C-alpha cells in the first residue's frame, strides 16, 4: 500500500526538495513503521525527526489526519492505503 508524508518547507531540503514523499509499506504498517521505512529512503530527514534511539524528537509533531500521533497514542496505529501523514517541526520565537 502507499502512504504519503507531507513535509513543510523547513524539512524539504532533507527529502530532495519534495513537499510530499510517497512511501510504499506493507499492509498493517503503523505510523512508527512508516517512519522506519522513510528513514531507509531519506536518512538525512530521519536525523531531523528522531533521535539516535529512534524516538521522535520532542520538537517534531506528526499528524495522522487531524490527530497528533504522540498525544493520541497513534504511533502504533495501523495505516490504510492512501493515508496522509503530516510532519511539522515546532516553531518557537517571539
Protein backbone atom coordinates (compact mmCIF):
# COMPACT_ATOMS: atom_id res chain seq x y z
CA UNK A 1 0.00 0.00 0.00
CA UNK A 2 1.09 3.59 -0.47
CA UNK A 3 1.09 6.31 2.19
CA UNK A 4 2.20 9.90 1.70
CA UNK A 5 4.24 12.00 4.09
CA UNK A 6 3.75 15.77 3.75
CA UNK A 7 6.72 17.97 4.66
CA UNK A 8 6.89 21.71 5.35
CA UNK A 9 9.49 23.88 3.65
CA UNK A 10 11.96 23.59 6.53
CA UNK A 11 12.25 19.81 6.05
CA UNK A 12 12.16 19.63 2.26
CA UNK A 13 15.92 20.08 1.73
CA UNK A 14 16.38 16.75 3.60
CA UNK A 15 13.99 14.98 1.21
CA UNK A 16 15.49 16.20 -2.08
CA UNK A 17 13.24 19.27 -2.11
CA UNK A 18 9.99 17.30 -2.14
CA UNK A 19 6.87 18.61 -0.40
CA UNK A 20 5.45 15.12 -0.21
CA UNK A 21 7.11 11.72 -0.15
CA UNK A 22 5.18 8.64 -1.24
CA UNK A 23 6.18 5.58 0.76
CA UNK A 24 5.26 2.00 -0.12
CA UNK A 25 4.66 -0.05 3.02
CA UNK A 26 3.20 -3.50 3.71
CA UNK A 27 -0.39 -3.82 4.92
CA UNK A 28 -0.65 -3.34 8.67
CA UNK A 29 2.27 -0.92 8.87
CA UNK A 30 1.97 1.51 11.77
CA UNK A 31 2.89 5.20 11.83
CA UNK A 32 6.13 4.23 13.62
CA UNK A 33 6.82 1.62 10.91
CA UNK A 34 6.20 4.27 8.26
CA UNK A 35 8.87 6.43 9.89
CA UNK A 36 11.23 3.42 9.81
CA UNK A 37 10.63 2.96 6.09
CA UNK A 38 11.04 6.70 5.49
CA UNK A 39 14.37 6.55 7.34
CA UNK A 40 15.63 3.95 4.88
CA UNK A 41 14.96 6.13 1.86
CA UNK A 42 15.63 9.56 3.42
CA UNK A 43 18.37 9.22 6.09
CA UNK A 44 19.04 12.97 6.25
CA UNK A 45 15.38 13.54 7.08
CA UNK A 46 15.44 10.79 9.70
CA UNK A 47 18.10 12.63 11.73
CA UNK A 48 15.77 15.61 11.98
CA UNK A 49 12.73 13.56 13.03
CA UNK A 50 14.05 11.00 15.52
CA UNK A 51 16.96 10.78 17.91
CA UNK A 52 19.64 8.08 17.99
CA UNK A 53 17.28 5.80 19.95
CA UNK A 54 14.60 6.11 17.25
CA UNK A 55 12.32 8.25 19.43
CA UNK A 56 10.51 11.23 17.91
CA UNK A 57 12.33 14.41 18.79
CA UNK A 58 10.29 16.50 21.22
CA UNK A 59 10.02 19.40 18.76
CA UNK A 60 8.64 17.25 15.94
CA UNK A 61 4.89 16.83 15.58
CA UNK A 62 3.41 14.08 13.43
CA UNK A 63 -0.25 14.06 12.45
CA UNK A 64 -2.45 11.36 11.01
CA UNK A 65 -5.45 13.27 9.77
CA UNK A 66 -6.19 15.82 12.47
CA UNK A 67 -4.68 13.73 15.27
CA UNK A 68 -1.25 14.33 16.81
CA UNK A 69 0.12 10.78 16.93
CA UNK A 70 2.25 11.43 20.01
CA UNK A 71 -0.52 12.75 22.28
CA UNK A 72 -3.26 10.48 20.93
CA UNK A 73 -1.19 7.29 21.09
CA UNK A 74 -1.45 6.71 17.35
CA UNK A 75 2.25 5.97 16.71
CA UNK A 76 1.30 2.30 16.82
CA UNK A 77 -1.87 2.80 14.77
CA UNK A 78 -2.05 0.76 11.55
CA UNK A 79 -2.21 2.86 8.41
CA UNK A 80 -4.55 2.40 5.45
CA UNK A 81 -3.74 2.72 1.80
CA UNK A 82 -3.84 6.39 0.80
CA UNK A 83 -3.37 7.77 4.31
CA UNK A 84 -1.52 11.07 4.56
CA UNK A 85 0.84 11.81 7.43
CA UNK A 86 1.96 15.36 8.11
CA UNK A 87 5.29 16.08 9.79
CA UNK A 88 5.78 19.51 11.37
CA UNK A 89 8.69 20.76 13.44
CA UNK A 90 7.61 23.03 16.28
CA UNK A 91 8.17 26.73 15.76
CA UNK A 92 9.44 28.88 18.60
CA UNK A 93 10.16 32.53 18.81
CA UNK A 94 8.69 35.77 19.79
